[in-house]
Amino acid sequence: MNEMNDQYRSGFAALIGRPNVGKSTLMNALIGQKIAITSDKPQTTRNRIQTVYTSAEGETPKGQIVFVDTPGIHKAKNRLGDYMVNIARKSLKEVDVILWLVEPSNFIGAGERHIIEELSRISTPVILVINKIDTVKKEELLGFIDTYRKQMDFAEIVPVSALKNENTKELIKCIMLYLPYGPAFYDEDTVTDQPQRQIVAELIREKALRCLEEEIPHGVAVTIEKMKWRKRIVDIEATIVCEKQSHKGIIIGKQGGMLKKIGTNARRDIEELLESQVNLQLWVKVKKDWRDSDFLLKNFGYNPKESE
């Protein structure tokens, strides 16, 4: 790869949208690896996860996109909520292009109008990405596009299905058009700037959210206590932190069944990520009101100062 080629583009793209529109699923589809956790619960992504797409040899256009996956823009209810919203807003001012992900609909609700208001204050080009096109009839798409086109002046409008990986290559080409010419920021084999410990913690949290379904609200964090390599095995000890004693019992489950299920499901993804056999041990602790404590937020990897 000749990075000094004046046809090489590189820059930053922010992925925004209301909670649950499929931002993490889209990013995973574009990158081709599982980096962001996905869940059918809103506000799953808590940190700005930077992932890197580098065009393959011979692929055009040539370039590198650094994706910033932000927490969903929503009304904050606590310190963690404030942090997530501020991080999302800050991202919009620091990137070359914004991808606004929406679901296919003719109805523009209060949440979408709030995002339109935020976007109207900045000059960064916005690509509207209509996700989940696999759930609607093709002839309905034009109507959805028209509904949004009337709201603001988009640089591009691209319909995709993140789940089915439909039209994602076209989206990559559109993003590249809005990036400046210049050398790559990362080596071509880099896919994320997140420490492995953080990705492992997020994978465990994803499995906890999926296994627990509606039983536990979003007051769950995961900390990695130990991560040690020995020959072909990685020993990992992690703690799932919840807010109430009653939640602890649900997470552990009858005769430890739920905790075992979370661990088994998480271990598969972690082994794939680390390309190694994993010995995973999980513990559960109660930390009351951790989402409203700056000290505990920082301890769990969410630095409130980052969002200021």
Protein backbone atom coordinates (compact mmCIF):
# COMPACT_ATOMS: atom_id res chain seq x y z
CA MET A 1 0.00 0.00 0.00
CA ASN A 2 1.47 3.33 -1.04
CA GLU A 3 0.27 5.74 1.65
CA MET A 4 1.89 8.75 -0.03
CA ASN A 5 -0.24 8.26 -3.14
CA ASP A 6 -2.19 11.50 -3.56
CA GLN A 7 -5.28 9.45 -4.36
CA TYR A 8 -5.24 7.89 -0.86
CA ARG A 9 -7.93 9.19 1.49
CA SER A 10 -8.08 8.91 5.26
CA GLY A 11 -10.32 10.43 7.90
CA PHE A 12 -12.87 10.01 10.65
CA ALA A 13 -16.55 9.06 10.42
CA ALA A 14 -18.99 9.29 13.35
CA LEU A 15 -21.84 6.84 13.58
CA ILE A 16 -24.89 8.36 15.29
CA GLY A 17 -28.54 7.55 15.73
CA ARG A 18 -31.20 6.85 18.29
CA PRO A 19 -30.60 3.86 20.57
CA ASN A 20 -31.34 0.51 18.93
CA VAL A 21 -31.14 1.49 15.25
CA GLY A 22 -28.26 -0.93 14.66
CA LYS A 23 -25.14 1.24 14.87
CA SER A 24 -22.93 -1.46 16.39
CA THR A 25 -24.28 -4.11 14.00
CA LEU A 26 -23.48 -1.84 11.04
CA MET A 27 -19.98 -1.11 12.27
CA ASN A 28 -19.30 -4.81 12.78
CA ALA A 29 -20.57 -5.48 9.22
CA LEU A 30 -18.37 -2.75 7.71
CA ILE A 31 -15.23 -3.83 9.57
CA GLY A 32 -15.91 -7.55 9.17
CA GLN A 33 -15.09 -8.38 12.78
CA LYS A 34 -17.01 -8.30 16.02
CA ILE A 35 -15.76 -5.21 17.88
CA ALA A 36 -18.83 -3.39 19.19
CA ILE A 37 -21.29 -5.34 21.29
CA THR A 38 -24.79 -5.75 19.94
CA SER A 39 -27.97 -6.16 21.94
CA ASP A 40 -31.68 -5.54 21.47
CA LYS A 41 -31.55 -3.23 24.48
CA PRO A 42 -30.91 0.49 23.93
CA GLN A 43 -27.74 2.29 25.08
CA THR A 44 -25.51 -0.76 24.76
CA THR A 45 -22.50 1.17 23.50
CA ARG A 46 -21.02 3.20 26.35
CA ASN A 47 -17.63 4.22 25.03
CA ARG A 48 -16.61 5.74 21.72
CA ILE A 49 -15.30 2.64 20.02
CA GLN A 50 -12.84 3.47 17.27
CA THR A 51 -12.65 0.85 14.56
CA VAL A 52 -10.60 1.03 11.40
CA TYR A 53 -11.53 0.10 7.84
CA THR A 54 -8.60 -0.04 5.40
CA SER A 55 -9.31 -0.75 1.74
CA ALA A 56 -7.81 -4.00 0.47
CA GLU A 57 -5.05 -4.22 -2.13
CA GLY A 58 -6.47 -3.30 -5.55
CA GLU A 59 -9.74 -2.06 -4.04
CA THR A 60 -11.01 1.39 -5.02
CA PRO A 61 -11.24 3.97 -3.71
CA LYS A 62 -8.01 3.56 -1.74
CA GLY A 63 -8.18 4.80 1.80
CA GLN A 64 -8.76 4.33 5.49
CA ILE A 65 -11.86 5.17 7.53
CA VAL A 66 -11.63 5.47 11.31
CA PHE A 67 -15.15 4.90 12.66
CA VAL A 68 -16.21 6.45 15.94
CA ASP A 69 -19.22 4.60 17.33
CA THR A 70 -20.97 6.91 19.77
CA PRO A 71 -23.52 6.19 22.49
CA GLY A 72 -27.07 6.88 21.30
CA ILE A 73 -28.27 10.48 21.64
CA HIS A 74 -31.02 10.36 24.24
CA LYS A 75 -32.31 12.20 27.30
CA ALA A 76 -29.87 11.66 30.16
CA LYS A 77 -31.21 10.24 33.43
CA ASN A 78 -28.00 9.98 35.49
CA ARG A 79 -24.25 10.71 35.44
CA LEU A 80 -23.60 7.82 33.06
CA GLY A 81 -26.35 9.15 30.78
CA ASP A 82 -24.79 12.66 30.81
CA TYR A 83 -21.43 11.16 29.92
CA MET A 84 -22.87 9.17 26.99
CA VAL A 85 -24.77 12.14 25.52
CA ASN A 86 -21.82 14.53 25.83
CA ILE A 87 -19.48 12.04 24.16
CA ALA A 88 -21.94 11.71 21.26
CA ARG A 89 -22.16 15.51 20.79
CA LYS A 90 -18.40 15.99 21.00
CA SER A 91 -17.84 13.38 18.29
CA LEU A 92 -19.86 15.34 15.73
CA LYS A 93 -17.44 18.27 15.81
CA GLU A 94 -14.28 16.18 15.49
CA VAL A 95 -14.96 14.10 12.37
CA ASP A 96 -14.89 14.52 8.58
CA VAL A 97 -18.29 12.96 7.92
CA ILE A 98 -21.31 11.87 9.98
CA LEU A 99 -23.37 8.75 9.32
CA TRP A 100 -26.87 9.18 10.73
CA LEU A 101 -28.48 5.77 11.00
CA VAL A 102 -32.29 5.57 10.96
CA GLU A 103 -34.92 2.86 10.54
CA PRO A 104 -37.14 2.81 7.43
CA SER A 105 -40.20 4.88 8.35
CA ASN A 106 -42.42 7.70 7.13
CA PHE A 107 -42.81 8.91 10.72
CA ILE A 108 -40.19 11.26 12.17
CA GLY A 109 -40.54 11.19 15.94
CA ALA A 110 -39.29 13.46 18.70
CA GLY A 111 -35.98 11.57 18.98
CA GLU A 112 -35.19 12.01 15.27
CA ARG A 113 -36.21 15.70 15.39
CA HIS A 114 -33.83 16.18 18.32
CA ILE A 115 -30.99 14.71 16.21
CA ILE A 116 -31.94 16.92 13.21
CA GLU A 117 -31.71 19.92 15.55
CA GLU A 118 -28.23 18.82 16.69
CA LEU A 119 -27.05 18.25 13.10
CA SER A 120 -28.35 21.62 11.88
CA ARG A 121 -25.84 23.37 14.20
CA ILE A 122 -22.77 21.88 12.53
CA SER A 123 -21.24 22.08 9.05
CA THR A 124 -19.94 18.50 8.85
CA PRO A 125 -21.41 16.58 5.86
CA VAL A 126 -24.10 14.09 6.89
CA ILE A 127 -24.80 10.78 5.13
CA LEU A 128 -28.26 9.46 5.95
CA VAL A 129 -28.11 5.67 6.27
CA ILE A 130 -31.50 3.96 6.21
CA ASN A 131 -30.89 0.62 7.94
CA LYS A 132 -32.99 -2.58 8.16
CA ILE A 133 -34.13 -2.41 4.52
CA ASP A 134 -34.50 -6.21 4.67
CA THR A 135 -37.61 -5.64 6.83
CA VAL A 136 -39.57 -3.57 4.25
CA LYS A 137 -40.68 -3.86 0.62
CA LYS A 138 -38.33 -2.31 -1.95
CA GLU A 139 -41.10 -0.14 -3.42
CA GLU A 140 -41.63 1.50 0.00
CA LEU A 141 -38.03 2.73 0.21
CA LEU A 142 -38.50 5.76 -2.07
CA GLY A 143 -41.20 7.08 0.25
CA PHE A 144 -38.92 6.75 3.30
CA ILE A 145 -36.07 8.48 1.46
CA ASP A 146 -38.40 11.32 0.44
CA THR A 147 -39.66 11.78 4.01
CA TYR A 148 -36.13 12.37 5.32
CA ARG A 149 -34.90 14.33 2.29
CA LYS A 150 -37.45 17.05 3.14
CA GLN A 151 -36.03 17.47 6.65
CA MET A 152 -32.47 18.55 5.85
CA ASP A 153 -29.85 18.67 3.13
CA PHE A 154 -27.99 15.34 3.25
CA ALA A 155 -24.68 14.80 1.46
CA GLU A 156 -25.86 11.29 0.50
CA ILE A 157 -28.73 8.92 1.32
CA VAL A 158 -27.76 5.23 1.39
CA PRO A 159 -30.18 2.37 2.20
CA VAL A 160 -28.51 -0.69 3.81
CA SER A 161 -29.14 -3.84 5.79
CA ALA A 162 -26.42 -4.16 8.44
CA LEU A 163 -27.74 -7.58 9.47
CA LYS A 164 -27.69 -9.00 5.91
CA ASN A 165 -24.62 -6.95 4.85
CA GLU A 166 -26.58 -5.41 1.95
CA ASN A 167 -25.22 -2.30 0.20
CA THR A 168 -22.42 -1.85 2.74
CA LYS A 169 -19.72 -1.64 0.03
CA GLU A 170 -21.65 1.23 -1.56
CA LEU A 171 -21.73 2.97 1.81
CA ILE A 172 -17.94 2.63 2.14
CA LYS A 173 -17.50 4.30 -1.29
CA CYS A 174 -19.78 7.19 -0.26
CA ILE A 175 -17.89 7.74 3.02
CA MET A 176 -14.53 7.82 1.20
CA LEU A 177 -15.77 10.70 -1.02
CA TYR A 178 -15.93 13.00 2.03
CA LEU A 179 -12.51 12.18 3.51
CA PRO A 180 -9.46 14.37 2.87
CA TYR A 181 -6.48 13.09 0.90
CA GLY A 182 -3.66 11.93 3.11
CA PRO A 183 -1.76 8.96 4.58
CA ALA A 184 -3.31 6.26 6.78
CA PHE A 185 -3.58 6.84 10.53
CA TYR A 186 -3.14 3.16 11.41
CA ASP A 187 -1.31 0.10 10.02
CA GLU A 188 -3.47 -1.74 7.51
CA ASP A 189 -3.96 -4.75 9.83
CA THR A 190 -5.36 -2.60 12.67
CA VAL A 191 -9.11 -2.98 13.28
CA THR A 192 -9.54 -1.18 16.61
CA ASP A 193 -7.70 1.08 19.07
CA GLN A 194 -9.53 -0.44 22.05
CA PRO A 195 -7.41 -2.40 24.54
CA GLN A 196 -8.14 -6.15 24.44
CA ARG A 197 -9.24 -6.10 28.08
CA GLN A 198 -11.94 -3.55 27.25
CA ILE A 199 -13.25 -5.58 24.29
CA VAL A 200 -13.32 -8.74 26.43
CA ALA A 201 -15.25 -6.87 29.15
CA GLU A 202 -17.75 -5.62 26.55
CA LEU A 203 -18.24 -9.11 25.10
CA ILE A 204 -19.04 -10.47 28.58
CA ARG A 205 -21.46 -7.58 29.16
CA GLU A 206 -23.17 -8.29 25.84
CA LYS A 207 -23.76 -11.93 26.79
CA ALA A 208 -25.08 -10.86 30.20
CA LEU A 209 -27.57 -8.47 28.55
CA ARG A 210 -28.70 -11.13 26.08
CA CYS A 211 -29.05 -13.94 28.65
CA LEU A 212 -30.82 -11.79 31.26
CA GLU A 213 -33.20 -10.22 28.70
CA GLU A 214 -35.68 -8.00 30.59
CA GLU A 215 -34.75 -9.19 34.09
CA ILE A 216 -31.93 -6.69 34.74
CA PRO A 217 -31.94 -3.04 33.65
CA HIS A 218 -28.81 -1.43 32.22
CA GLY A 219 -27.09 -1.19 35.61
CA VAL A 220 -24.52 -3.84 34.66
CA ALA A 221 -20.78 -3.24 34.17
CA VAL A 222 -17.91 -5.69 33.74
CA THR A 223 -14.35 -5.35 35.02
CA ILE A 224 -11.45 -7.61 34.08
CA GLU A 225 -9.53 -8.54 37.23
CA LYS A 226 -6.94 -10.78 35.55
CA MET A 227 -5.88 -11.62 32.00
CA LYS A 228 -2.85 -13.91 31.82
CA TRP A 229 -1.40 -15.84 28.86
CA ARG A 230 0.17 -19.28 29.41
CA LYS A 231 1.19 -21.20 26.29
CA ARG A 232 -2.07 -21.70 24.30
CA ILE A 233 -4.49 -20.73 27.08
CA VAL A 234 -5.59 -17.32 28.37
CA ASP A 235 -6.77 -17.19 32.00
CA ILE A 236 -9.38 -14.48 32.50
CA GLU A 237 -11.09 -13.48 35.74
CA ALA A 238 -13.91 -10.96 35.39
CA THR A 239 -16.50 -9.37 37.68
CA ILE A 240 -20.04 -8.51 36.65
CA VAL A 241 -21.10 -5.47 38.71
CA CYS A 242 -24.78 -4.78 39.41
CA GLU A 243 -26.65 -2.23 41.53
CA LYS A 244 -28.87 -4.39 43.76
CA GLN A 245 -28.57 -7.56 45.83
CA SER A 246 -31.69 -8.92 44.11
CA HIS A 247 -29.96 -8.45 40.73
CA LYS A 248 -26.97 -10.47 41.96
CA GLY A 249 -29.21 -13.47 42.60
CA ILE A 250 -30.74 -13.24 39.12
CA ILE A 251 -27.31 -12.97 37.44
CA ILE A 252 -26.00 -16.03 39.32
CA GLY A 253 -29.24 -17.97 38.74
CA LYS A 254 -30.46 -21.23 40.18
CA GLN A 255 -27.42 -23.34 41.22
CA GLY A 256 -25.23 -20.87 39.29
CA GLY A 257 -26.92 -21.76 35.99
CA MET A 258 -27.31 -18.23 34.61
CA LEU A 259 -23.72 -17.23 35.37
CA LYS A 260 -22.50 -20.45 33.72
CA LYS A 261 -24.61 -19.69 30.62
CA ILE A 262 -23.20 -16.13 30.38
CA GLY A 263 -19.65 -17.47 30.77
CA THR A 264 -20.06 -20.23 28.15
CA ASN A 265 -21.53 -17.81 25.57
CA ALA A 266 -18.88 -15.14 26.26
CA ARG A 267 -15.99 -17.61 26.11
CA ARG A 268 -16.81 -18.57 22.49
CA ASP A 269 -16.55 -14.96 21.27
CA ILE A 270 -13.46 -14.23 23.39
CA GLU A 271 -11.66 -17.32 22.02
CA GLU A 272 -12.45 -16.16 18.48
CA LEU A 273 -11.17 -12.65 19.29
CA LEU A 274 -7.95 -13.77 21.01
CA GLU A 275 -7.45 -16.80 18.73
CA SER A 276 -6.65 -18.86 21.80
CA GLN A 277 -8.28 -21.22 24.28
CA VAL A 278 -9.82 -19.28 27.18
CA ASN A 279 -10.30 -20.25 30.81
CA LEU A 280 -12.95 -17.78 31.99
CA GLN A 281 -14.01 -17.30 35.61
CA LEU A 282 -16.87 -14.92 36.43
CA TRP A 283 -17.80 -13.28 39.73
CA VAL A 284 -20.73 -11.02 40.65
CA LYS A 285 -20.51 -7.96 42.94
CA VAL A 286 -23.03 -5.37 44.08
CA LYS A 287 -22.00 -1.68 43.85
CA LYS A 288 -24.99 0.43 44.74
CA ASP A 289 -25.72 3.39 42.40
CA TRP A 290 -22.45 2.95 40.47
CA ARG A 291 -23.93 4.82 37.49
CA ASP A 292 -24.12 8.04 39.55
CA SER A 293 -20.60 7.83 40.99
CA ASP A 294 -17.77 9.56 39.08
CA PHE A 295 -15.24 7.41 40.94
CA LEU A 296 -16.92 4.13 40.01
CA LEU A 297 -17.59 5.26 36.43
CA LYS A 298 -13.88 5.96 36.00
CA ASN A 299 -13.06 2.64 37.65
CA PHE A 300 -15.22 0.84 35.05
CA GLY A 301 -13.53 2.62 32.14
CA TYR A 302 -15.96 5.52 31.56
CA ASN A 303 -14.03 8.71 32.21
CA PRO A 304 -16.52 11.59 32.85
CA LYS A 305 -13.82 14.19 31.96
CA GLU A 306 -13.66 12.77 28.42
CA SER A 307 -17.16 14.06 27.73
CA GLU A 308 -16.59 17.63 28.92
